PDB file of N, CA and C in Angstrom:
ATOM      1  N   MET A   1       9.007 -10.964   5.317  1.00  0.00           N
ATOM      2  CA  MET A   1      10.185 -11.671   5.642  1.00  0.00           C
ATOM      3  C   MET A   1      10.816 -11.662   7.017  1.00  0.00           C
ATOM      4  N   LYS A   2      10.937 -10.771   7.485  1.00  0.00           N
ATOM      5  CA  LYS A   2      11.400 -10.815   9.424  1.00  0.00           C
ATOM      6  C   LYS A   2      10.881 -12.376   9.909  1.00  0.00           C
ATOM      7  N   ARG A   3       9.288 -12.285   9.623  1.00  0.00           N
ATOM      8  CA  ARG A   3       8.382 -13.081  10.396  1.00  0.00           C
ATOM      9  C   ARG A   3       9.011 -14.753   9.751  1.00  0.00           C
ATOM     10  N   LEU A   4       9.170 -15.226   8.660  1.00  0.00           N
ATOM     11  CA  LEU A   4       9.811 -15.999   8.154  1.00  0.00           C
ATOM     12  C   LEU A   4      11.120 -16.482   8.598  1.00  0.00           C
ATOM     13  N   VAL A   5      11.836 -15.155   8.540  1.00  0.00           N
ATOM     14  CA  VAL A   5      13.277 -15.648   9.478  1.00  0.00           C
ATOM     15  C   VAL A   5      13.300 -16.174  10.620  1.00  0.00           C
ATOM     16  N   ASP A   6      12.159 -15.232  11.779  1.00  0.00           N
ATOM     17  CA  ASP A   6      12.480 -15.846  12.853  1.00  0.00           C
ATOM     18  C   ASP A   6      11.306 -17.443  12.769  1.00  0.00           C
ATOM     19  N   LEU A   7      10.489 -17.204  12.301  1.00  0.00           N
ATOM     20  CA  LEU A   7       9.535 -18.649  11.859  1.00  0.00           C
ATOM     21  C   LEU A   7      10.804 -19.964  11.933  1.00  0.00           C
ATOM     22  N   TYR A   8      11.588 -19.379  10.969  1.00  0.00           N
ATOM     23  CA  TYR A   8      13.003 -20.728  10.917  1.00  0.00           C
ATOM     24  C   TYR A   8      14.057 -20.737  11.821  1.00  0.00           C
ATOM     25  N   ASN A   9      14.118 -19.499  12.602  1.00  0.00           N
ATOM     26  CA  ASN A   9      14.973 -19.694  13.546  1.00  0.00           C
ATOM     27  C   ASN A   9      14.643 -20.507  14.375  1.00  0.00           C
ATOM     28  N   LYS A  10      13.011 -19.832  15.052  1.00  0.00           N
ATOM     29  CA  LYS A  10      12.149 -20.666  16.396  1.00  0.00           C
ATOM     30  C   LYS A  10      12.238 -22.234  15.639  1.00  0.00           C
ATOM     31  N   VAL A  11      11.861 -22.562  14.969  1.00  0.00           N
ATOM     32  CA  VAL A  11      11.667 -24.174  14.135  1.00  0.00           C
ATOM     33  C   VAL A  11      12.740 -25.152  14.145  1.00  0.00           C
ATOM     34  N   ARG A  12      13.754 -24.403  13.881  1.00  0.00           N
ATOM     35  CA  ARG A  12      15.396 -25.143  13.669  1.00  0.00           C
ATOM     36  C   ARG A  12      15.773 -25.128  14.958  1.00  0.00           C
ATOM     37  N   GLN A  13      15.728 -24.364  15.948  1.00  0.00           N
ATOM     38  CA  GLN A  13      16.248 -24.527  17.582  1.00  0.00           C
ATOM     39  C   GLN A  13      15.327 -25.720  18.112  1.00  0.00           C
ATOM     40  N   GLU A  14      13.917 -25.846  18.146  1.00  0.00           N
ATOM     41  CA  GLU A  14      13.033 -26.571  18.454  1.00  0.00           C
ATOM     42  C   GLU A  14      13.228 -27.899  17.893  1.00  0.00           C
ATOM     43  N   TYR A  15      13.780 -28.055  16.388  1.00  0.00           N
ATOM     44  CA  TYR A  15      14.054 -29.401  16.225  1.00  0.00           C
ATOM     45  C   TYR A  15      15.547 -30.051  16.575  1.00  0.00           C
ATOM     46  N   GLY A  16      16.275 -29.000  16.806  1.00  0.00           N
ATOM     47  CA  GLY A  16      17.381 -29.349  17.234  1.00  0.00           C
ATOM     48  C   GLY A  16      17.840 -30.103  18.705  1.00  0.00           C
ATOM     49  N   LYS A  17      16.475 -29.746  19.073  1.00  0.00           N
ATOM     50  CA  LYS A  17      16.461 -30.336  20.310  1.00  0.00           C
ATOM     51  C   LYS A  17      16.325 -32.038  20.554  1.00  0.00           C
ATOM     52  N   ASN A  18      15.066 -32.172  19.258  1.00  0.00           N
ATOM     53  CA  ASN A  18      14.429 -33.687  19.239  1.00  0.00           C
ATOM     54  C   ASN A  18      14.910 -34.082  17.481  1.00  0.00           C
ATOM     55  N   PRO A  19      16.541 -34.427  17.451  1.00  0.00           N
ATOM     56  CA  PRO A  19      16.587 -34.887  16.531  1.00  0.00           C
ATOM     57  C   PRO A  19      15.835 -35.972  15.717  1.00  0.00           C
ATOM     58  N   LYS A  20      15.051 -36.643  16.422  1.00  0.00           N
ATOM     59  CA  LYS A  20      14.490 -38.123  16.161  1.00  0.00           C
ATOM     60  C   LYS A  20      13.278 -37.315  14.885  1.00  0.00           C
ATOM     61  N   LEU A  21      11.981 -36.181  15.726  1.00  0.00           N
ATOM     62  CA  LEU A  21      11.484 -35.315  15.039  1.00  0.00           C
ATOM     63  C   LEU A  21      11.972 -34.245  13.806  1.00  0.00           C
ATOM     64  N   ALA A  22      12.914 -34.263  14.008  1.00  0.00           N
ATOM     65  CA  ALA A  22      13.476 -33.399  12.851  1.00  0.00           C
ATOM     66  C   ALA A  22      13.760 -34.203  11.737  1.00  0.00           C
ATOM     67  N   MET A  23      13.853 -35.456  12.087  1.00  0.00           N
ATOM     68  CA  MET A  23      14.346 -36.289  10.874  1.00  0.00           C
ATOM     69  C   MET A  23      13.030 -36.830  10.032  1.00  0.00           C
ATOM     70  N   GLN A  24      11.859 -36.931  10.980  1.00  0.00           N
ATOM     71  CA  GLN A  24      10.749 -37.158  10.295  1.00  0.00           C
ATOM     72  C   GLN A  24      10.316 -36.192   9.662  1.00  0.00           C
ATOM     73  N   MET A  25      10.328 -35.329   9.834  1.00  0.00           N
ATOM     74  CA  MET A  25       9.885 -33.816   9.215  1.00  0.00           C
ATOM     75  C   MET A  25      10.567 -33.874   7.944  1.00  0.00           C
ATOM     76  N   ALA A  26      12.091 -33.815   7.871  1.00  0.00           N
ATOM     77  CA  ALA A  26      13.183 -33.563   7.222  1.00  0.00           C
ATOM     78  C   ALA A  26      12.516 -34.415   5.648  1.00  0.00           C
ATOM     79  N   THR A  27      11.868 -35.765   6.389  1.00  0.00           N
ATOM     80  CA  THR A  27      12.570 -36.837   5.150  1.00  0.00           C
ATOM     81  C   THR A  27      11.018 -37.470   5.136  1.00  0.00           C
ATOM     82  N   ASP A  28       9.747 -36.969   5.530  1.00  0.00           N
ATOM     83  CA  ASP A  28       8.489 -37.599   5.287  1.00  0.00           C
ATOM     84  C   ASP A  28       7.742 -36.741   4.746  1.00  0.00           C
ATOM     85  N   PRO A  29       7.409 -36.992   3.425  1.00  0.00           N
ATOM     86  CA  PRO A  29       7.503 -38.127   2.686  1.00  0.00           C
ATOM     87  C   PRO A  29       8.194 -38.288   1.363  1.00  0.00           C
ATOM     88  N   ILE A  30       9.562 -37.551   1.756  1.00  0.00           N
ATOM     89  CA  ILE A  30      10.346 -37.240   0.229  1.00  0.00           C
ATOM     90  C   ILE A  30      11.857 -37.887   0.042  1.00  0.00           C
ATOM     91  N   GLY A  31      11.990 -38.390   1.665  1.00  0.00           N
ATOM     92  CA  GLY A  31      13.146 -39.745   1.466  1.00  0.00           C
ATOM     93  C   GLY A  31      13.960 -38.941   2.262  1.00  0.00           C
ATOM     94  N   ALA A  32      15.414 -39.622   2.171  1.00  0.00           N
ATOM     95  CA  ALA A  32      16.122 -39.199   2.719  1.00  0.00           C
ATOM     96  C   ALA A  32      16.995 -38.094   2.237  1.00  0.00           C
ATOM     97  N   ILE A  33      18.045 -37.093   3.180  1.00  0.00           N
ATOM     98  CA  ILE A  33      18.227 -36.336   3.209  1.00  0.00           C
ATOM     99  C   ILE A  33      20.027 -36.820   2.738  1.00  0.00           C
ATOM    100  N   ALA A  34      20.186 -35.551   1.973  1.00  0.00           N
ATOM    101  CA  ALA A  34      21.317 -35.814   1.597  1.00  0.00           C
ATOM    102  C   ALA A  34      22.595 -35.688   2.418  1.00  0.00           C
ATOM    103  N   ALA A  35      23.484 -36.392   2.394  1.00  0.00           N
ATOM    104  CA  ALA A  35      24.722 -36.736   3.967  1.00  0.00           C
ATOM    105  C   ALA A  35      25.364 -34.966   3.797  1.00  0.00           C
ATOM    106  N   GLY A  36      25.785 -35.093   5.313  1.00  0.00           N
ATOM    107  CA  GLY A  36      26.351 -34.061   5.418  1.00  0.00           C
ATOM    108  C   GLY A  36      25.434 -32.893   6.114  1.00  0.00           C
ATOM    109  N   THR A  37      23.931 -33.373   6.023  1.00  0.00           N
ATOM    110  CA  THR A  37      22.678 -31.903   5.929  1.00  0.00           C
ATOM    111  C   THR A  37      22.267 -32.536   7.334  1.00  0.00           C
ATOM    112  N   GLN A  38      21.643 -31.345   8.131  1.00  0.00           N
ATOM    113  CA  GLN A  38      21.547 -31.341   9.183  1.00  0.00           C
ATOM    114  C   GLN A  38      19.626 -31.720   9.135  1.00  0.00           C
ATOM    115  N   ALA A  39      19.446 -32.527  10.134  1.00  0.00           N
ATOM    116  CA  ALA A  39      17.602 -32.953   9.766  1.00  0.00           C
ATOM    117  C   ALA A  39      17.236 -31.535  10.351  1.00  0.00           C
ATOM    118  N   ALA A  40      17.563 -30.947  11.389  1.00  0.00           N
ATOM    119  CA  ALA A  40      17.012 -30.084  12.158  1.00  0.00           C
ATOM    120  C   ALA A  40      16.613 -28.835  11.195  1.00  0.00           C
ATOM    121  N   GLU A  41      17.648 -28.287  10.070  1.00  0.00           N
ATOM    122  CA  GLU A  41      17.834 -27.335   9.038  1.00  0.00           C
ATOM    123  C   GLU A  41      16.848 -27.794   7.870  1.00  0.00           C
ATOM    124  N   MET A  42      17.027 -28.845   7.683  1.00  0.00           N
ATOM    125  CA  MET A  42      16.159 -29.606   6.510  1.00  0.00           C
ATOM    126  C   MET A  42      14.244 -29.400   7.134  1.00  0.00           C
ATOM    127  N   ALA A  43      14.343 -29.558   8.335  1.00  0.00           N
ATOM    128  CA  ALA A  43      13.327 -29.593   8.785  1.00  0.00           C
ATOM    129  C   ALA A  43      12.388 -28.275   8.783  1.00  0.00           C
ATOM    130  N   ALA A  44      13.306 -26.996   9.114  1.00  0.00           N
ATOM    131  CA  ALA A  44      12.726 -26.071   9.264  1.00  0.00           C
ATOM    132  C   ALA A  44      12.780 -25.137   8.045  1.00  0.00           C
ATOM    133  N   TRP A  45      13.484 -25.500   7.107  1.00  0.00           N
ATOM    134  CA  TRP A  45      13.239 -25.292   5.829  1.00  0.00           C
ATOM    135  C   TRP A  45      11.584 -25.813   5.141  1.00  0.00           C
ATOM    136  N   ALA A  46      11.467 -26.769   5.514  1.00  0.00           N
ATOM    137  CA  ALA A  46      10.405 -27.746   4.821  1.00  0.00           C
ATOM    138  C   ALA A  46       9.098 -26.826   5.757  1.00  0.00           C
ATOM    139  N   VAL A  47       9.147 -26.520   6.901  1.00  0.00           N
ATOM    140  CA  VAL A  47       8.077 -25.711   7.697  1.00  0.00           C
ATOM    141  C   VAL A  47       8.102 -24.430   6.841  1.00  0.00           C
ATOM    142  N   VAL A  48       9.003 -24.008   6.661  1.00  0.00           N
ATOM    143  CA  VAL A  48       8.894 -22.674   6.276  1.00  0.00           C
ATOM    144  C   VAL A  48       8.195 -22.596   4.801  1.00  0.00           C
ATOM    145  N   GLY A  49       8.775 -23.663   3.723  1.00  0.00           N
ATOM    146  CA  GLY A  49       8.139 -24.125   2.366  1.00  0.00           C
ATOM    147  C   GLY A  49       6.495 -23.955   2.414  1.00  0.00           C
ATOM    148  N   ASN A  50       6.424 -25.054   3.323  1.00  0.00           N
ATOM    149  CA  ASN A  50       4.769 -25.435   3.491  1.00  0.00           C
ATOM    150  C   ASN A  50       3.889 -24.072   3.954  1.00  0.00           C
ATOM    151  N   VAL A  51       4.678 -23.196   5.023  1.00  0.00           N
ATOM    152  CA  VAL A  51       3.785 -21.857   5.324  1.00  0.00           C
ATOM    153  C   VAL A  51       4.064 -20.968   4.088  1.00  0.00           C
ATOM    154  N   LEU A  52       4.815 -20.996   3.340  1.00  0.00           N
ATOM    155  CA  LEU A  52       4.753 -20.112   1.852  1.00  0.00           C
ATOM    156  C   LEU A  52       3.976 -20.704   0.938  1.00  0.00           C
ATOM    157  N   LEU A  53       3.771 -21.961   1.086  1.00  0.00           N
ATOM    158  CA  LEU A  53       2.874 -22.514  -0.130  1.00  0.00           C
ATOM    159  C   LEU A  53       1.353 -22.231   0.528  1.00  0.00           C
ATOM    160  N   ASN A  54       1.287 -22.570   1.814  1.00  0.00           N
ATOM    161  CA  ASN A  54      -0.067 -21.823   1.984  1.00  0.00           C
ATOM    162  C   ASN A  54      -0.348 -20.662   2.214  1.00  0.00           C
ATOM    163  N   LEU A  55       0.499 -19.796   2.010  1.00  0.00           N
ATOM    164  CA  LEU A  55       0.060 -18.430   1.796  1.00  0.00           C
ATOM    165  C   LEU A  55      -0.178 -18.262   0.239  1.00  0.00           C
ATOM    166  N   ASP A  56       0.283 -19.154  -0.605  1.00  0.00           N
ATOM    167  CA  ASP A  56      -0.303 -19.060  -2.243  1.00  0.00           C
ATOM    168  C   ASP A  56      -1.216 -19.328  -2.346  1.00  0.00           C
ATOM    169  N   GLU A  57      -2.238 -20.323  -1.339  1.00  0.00           N
ATOM    170  CA  GLU A  57      -3.095 -20.866  -1.755  1.00  0.00           C
ATOM    171  C   GLU A  57      -4.572 -19.960  -1.037  1.00  0.00           C
ATOM    172  N   ALA A  58      -3.682 -19.307   0.111  1.00  0.00           N
ATOM    173  CA  ALA A  58      -4.495 -18.429   0.513  1.00  0.00           C
ATOM    174  C   ALA A  58      -5.047 -17.316   0.094  1.00  0.00           C
ATOM    175  N   PHE A  59      -4.418 -16.844  -0.771  1.00  0.00           N
ATOM    176  CA  PHE A  59      -3.990 -15.613  -1.645  1.00  0.00           C
ATOM    177  C   PHE A  59      -4.950 -15.980  -2.836  1.00  0.00           C
ATOM    178  N   ALA A  60      -5.169 -17.373  -3.424  1.00  0.00           N
ATOM    179  CA  ALA A  60      -5.740 -17.785  -4.677  1.00  0.00           C
ATOM    180  C   ALA A  60      -7.319 -18.019  -4.205  1.00  0.00           C
ATOM    181  N   ASN A  61      -7.462 -18.123  -2.606  1.00  0.00           N
ATOM    182  CA  ASN A  61      -8.622 -18.427  -2.702  1.00  0.00           C
ATOM    183  C   ASN A  61      -9.465 -16.998  -1.679  1.00  0.00           C
ATOM    184  N   ASP A  62      -8.905 -15.931  -2.112  1.00  0.00           N
ATOM    185  CA  ASP A  62      -9.078 -14.612  -1.387  1.00  0.00           C
ATOM    186  C   ASP A  62      -9.412 -14.823   0.011  1.00  0.00           C
ATOM    187  N   ASP A  63      -8.611 -15.432   0.849  1.00  0.00           N
ATOM    188  CA  ASP A  63      -9.031 -15.539   2.153  1.00  0.00           C
ATOM    189  C   ASP A  63      -8.769 -14.206   2.724  1.00  0.00           C
ATOM    190  N   PHE A  64      -8.089 -13.217   2.317  1.00  0.00           N
ATOM    191  CA  PHE A  64      -7.736 -12.152   2.479  1.00  0.00           C
ATOM    192  C   PHE A  64      -8.438 -10.971   2.141  1.00  0.00           C
ATOM    193  N   GLY A  65      -9.740 -11.051   1.251  1.00  0.00           N
ATOM    194  CA  GLY A  65     -10.393 -10.376   0.872  1.00  0.00           C
ATOM    195  C   GLY A  65      -9.750  -9.520  -0.152  1.00  0.00           C
ATOM    196  N   LEU A  66      -9.003  -9.780  -1.082  1.00  0.00           N
ATOM    197  CA  LEU A  66      -7.955  -8.763  -1.820  1.00  0.00           C
ATOM    198  C   LEU A  66      -9.316  -8.785  -2.581  1.00  0.00           C
ATOM    199  N   ILE A  67     -10.106  -9.249  -3.728  1.00  0.00           N
ATOM    200  CA  ILE A  67     -10.889  -9.058  -4.388  1.00  0.00           C
ATOM    201  C   ILE A  67     -11.856  -7.979  -3.998  1.00  0.00           C
ATOM    202  N   ARG A  68     -12.089  -7.588  -3.139  1.00  0.00           N
ATOM    203  CA  ARG A  68     -13.505  -6.447  -2.766  1.00  0.00           C
ATOM    204  C   ARG A  68     -12.251  -5.514  -2.867  1.00  0.00           C
ATOM    205  N   LEU A  69     -11.001  -5.153  -3.058  1.00  0.00           N
ATOM    206  CA  LEU A  69     -10.354  -3.979  -3.553  1.00  0.00           C
ATOM    207  C   LEU A  69     -10.619  -3.591  -3.925  1.00  0.00           C
ATOM    208  N   ALA A  70     -10.728  -4.513  -5.554  1.00  0.00           N
ATOM    209  CA  ALA A  70     -10.760  -3.959  -7.053  1.00  0.00           C
ATOM    210  C   ALA A  70     -11.706  -2.813  -7.365  1.00  0.00           C
ATOM    211  N   PRO A  71     -11.903  -1.878  -8.355  1.00  0.00           N
ATOM    212  CA  PRO A  71     -13.022  -1.106  -8.237  1.00  0.00           C
ATOM    213  C   PRO A  71     -14.419  -2.019  -9.129  1.00  0.00           C
ATOM    214  N   ARG A  72     -15.521  -1.517  -8.773  1.00  0.00           N
ATOM    215  CA  ARG A  72     -16.725  -2.281  -9.383  1.00  0.00           C
ATOM    216  C   ARG A  72     -16.731  -2.367 -10.735  1.00  0.00           C
ATOM    217  N   GLY A  73     -16.894  -3.400 -10.976  1.00  0.00           N
ATOM    218  CA  GLY A  73     -17.324  -3.760 -12.808  1.00  0.00           C
ATOM    219  C   GLY A  73     -16.163  -4.400 -12.962  1.00  0.00           C
ATOM    220  N   HIS A  74     -14.779  -4.439 -12.615  1.00  0.00           N
ATOM    221  CA  HIS A  74     -13.596  -4.623 -12.735  1.00  0.00           C
ATOM    222  C   HIS A  74     -13.611  -6.274 -12.694  1.00  0.00           C
ATOM    223  N   ALA A  75     -13.350  -6.850 -13.565  1.00  0.00           N
ATOM    224  CA  ALA A  75     -12.800  -8.515 -13.464  1.00  0.00           C
ATOM    225  C   ALA A  75     -12.627  -9.197 -12.433  1.00  0.00           C
ATOM    226  N   SER A  76     -12.049  -8.354 -11.830  1.00  0.00           N
ATOM    227  CA  SER A  76     -11.148  -9.345 -10.332  1.00  0.00           C
ATOM    228  C   SER A  76     -12.272  -8.907  -9.477  1.00  0.00           C
ATOM    229  N   ALA A  77     -12.899  -8.466  -9.674  1.00  0.00           N
ATOM    230  CA  ALA A  77     -14.071  -8.188  -8.574  1.00  0.00           C
ATOM    231  C   ALA A  77     -14.966  -9.043  -8.502  1.00  0.00           C
ATOM    232  N   LYS A  78     -15.207 -10.265  -9.382  1.00  0.00           N
ATOM    233  CA  LYS A  78     -16.297 -10.760  -9.757  1.00  0.00           C
ATOM    234  C   LYS A  78     -15.951 -11.719  -8.405  1.00  0.00           C
ATOM    235  N   ARG A  79     -17.001 -12.480  -8.246  1.00  0.00           N
ATOM    236  CA  ARG A  79     -16.683 -13.604  -7.278  1.00  0.00           C
ATOM    237  C   ARG A  79     -17.286 -14.469  -7.409  1.00  0.00           C
ATOM    238  N   LYS A  80     -17.249 -15.929  -6.939  1.00  0.00           N
ATOM    239  CA  LYS A  80     -17.946 -17.086  -7.222  1.00  0.00           C
ATOM    240  C   LYS A  80     -19.588 -16.972  -6.853  1.00  0.00           C
ATOM    241  N   HIS A  81     -19.995 -15.929  -6.143  1.00  0.00           N
ATOM    242  CA  HIS A  81     -21.093 -16.163  -5.096  1.00  0.00           C
ATOM    243  C   HIS A  81     -22.088 -14.554  -5.707  1.00  0.00           C
ATOM    244  N   GLY A  82     -21.839 -14.106  -6.725  1.00  0.00           N
ATOM    245  CA  GLY A  82     -22.348 -13.025  -7.149  1.00  0.00           C
ATOM    246  C   GLY A  82     -21.685 -11.820  -7.724  1.00  0.00           C
ATOM    247  N   ASP A  83     -21.710 -10.645  -7.283  1.00  0.00           N
ATOM    248  CA  ASP A  83     -20.548  -9.408  -7.834  1.00  0.00           C
ATOM    249  C   ASP A  83     -19.271  -9.338  -6.626  1.00  0.00           C
ATOM    250  N   GLY A  84     -19.632  -9.475  -5.465  1.00  0.00           N
ATOM    251  CA  GLY A  84     -18.612  -9.843  -4.542  1.00  0.00           C
ATOM    252  C   GLY A  84     -18.499  -7.970  -3.679  1.00  0.00           C
ATOM    253  N   LEU A  85     -19.397  -7.197  -4.807  1.00  0.00           N
ATOM    254  CA  LEU A  85     -19.496  -5.705  -3.763  1.00  0.00           C
ATOM    255  C   LEU A  85     -20.973  -4.928  -3.538  1.00  0.00           C
TER     256      LEU A  85
END
């Protein structure tokens, strides 16, 4: 969690220095941000959200090798290309 908070703070600070880029990140492709919101804040949340979504995909694709931790013969130990162990 600390890494996500650190990422948010760092990215928000960077987007705060570049309002045009912040607006692009915050609005493309979803559309305009709500009145009264800061583009740098919305852009930082978009980055953190993208990281979280990519983590989900990484776990789903077993990029971390978690399936190999399952006991031999367990259904989750099976891989696409053999038994995985």
